[in-house]
Amino acid sequence: MSPIWRKLFVPKSSLMLLRILNENGT
């Protein structure tokens, strides 16, 4: 359960961070 949750959380966090960075960069 832990590894699966982490694998699902990692990409989601990365996408969210990229979106925040993109909005800040614009």
N, C-alpha and C. Protein backbone atom coordinates (compact mmCIF):
# COMPACT_ATOMS: atom_id res chain seq x y z
N MET A 1 0.84 -1.19 0.00
CA MET A 1 0.00 0.00 0.00
C MET A 1 0.88 1.26 0.00
N SER A 2 1.90 1.26 0.79
CA SER A 2 2.78 2.45 0.88
C SER A 2 3.44 2.76 -0.48
N PRO A 3 4.05 1.75 -1.11
CA PRO A 3 4.72 1.99 -2.39
C PRO A 3 3.74 2.44 -3.47
N ILE A 4 2.57 1.85 -3.48
CA ILE A 4 1.57 2.20 -4.50
C ILE A 4 1.13 3.66 -4.30
N TRP A 5 0.87 4.02 -3.05
CA TRP A 5 0.44 5.38 -2.76
C TRP A 5 1.51 6.37 -3.17
N ARG A 6 2.76 6.01 -2.89
CA ARG A 6 3.89 6.90 -3.20
C ARG A 6 4.00 7.05 -4.72
N LYS A 7 3.84 5.97 -5.43
CA LYS A 7 3.97 6.02 -6.90
C LYS A 7 2.86 6.90 -7.48
N LEU A 8 1.71 6.88 -6.85
CA LEU A 8 0.57 7.68 -7.35
C LEU A 8 0.72 9.14 -6.92
N PHE A 9 1.37 9.33 -5.77
CA PHE A 9 1.51 10.69 -5.24
C PHE A 9 2.67 11.43 -5.91
N VAL A 10 3.71 10.70 -6.24
CA VAL A 10 4.89 11.32 -6.86
C VAL A 10 4.53 12.07 -8.15
N PRO A 11 3.91 11.39 -9.12
CA PRO A 11 3.56 12.05 -10.38
C PRO A 11 2.56 13.19 -10.18
N LYS A 12 1.63 13.02 -9.26
CA LYS A 12 0.63 14.07 -9.01
C LYS A 12 1.32 15.30 -8.44
N SER A 13 2.24 15.08 -7.53
CA SER A 13 2.95 16.21 -6.91
C SER A 13 3.80 16.92 -7.96
N SER A 14 4.43 16.14 -8.82
CA SER A 14 5.29 16.71 -9.87
C SER A 14 4.46 17.57 -10.82
N LEU A 15 3.30 17.06 -11.19
CA LEU A 15 2.44 17.80 -12.12
C LEU A 15 1.95 19.09 -11.47
N MET A 16 1.61 19.00 -10.20
CA MET A 16 1.12 20.19 -9.48
C MET A 16 2.23 21.22 -9.36
N LEU A 17 3.44 20.75 -9.07
CA LEU A 17 4.58 21.65 -8.92
C LEU A 17 4.88 22.32 -10.26
N LEU A 18 4.81 21.54 -11.32
CA LEU A 18 5.10 22.08 -12.66
C LEU A 18 4.07 23.14 -13.01
N ARG A 19 2.83 22.92 -12.62
CA ARG A 19 1.75 23.88 -12.93
C ARG A 19 1.99 25.16 -12.16
N ILE A 20 2.37 25.02 -10.90
CA ILE A 20 2.61 26.21 -10.06
C ILE A 20 3.80 27.00 -10.62
N LEU A 21 4.83 26.26 -11.02
CA LEU A 21 6.03 26.92 -11.57
C LEU A 21 5.69 27.62 -12.87
N ASN A 22 4.87 26.99 -13.67
CA ASN A 22 4.49 27.56 -14.97
C ASN A 22 3.69 28.85 -14.76
N GLU A 23 2.80 28.82 -13.78
CA GLU A 23 1.97 30.01 -13.52
C GLU A 23 2.84 31.13 -12.97
N ASN A 24 3.83 30.78 -12.18
CA ASN A 24 4.72 31.78 -11.60
C ASN A 24 5.67 32.32 -12.66
N GLY A 25 6.05 31.45 -13.59
CA GLY A 25 7.00 31.84 -14.63
C GLY A 25 6.37 32.80 -15.63
N THR A 26 5.09 32.63 -15.87
CA THR A 26 4.45 33.47 -16.87
C THR A 26 4.42 34.93 -16.43
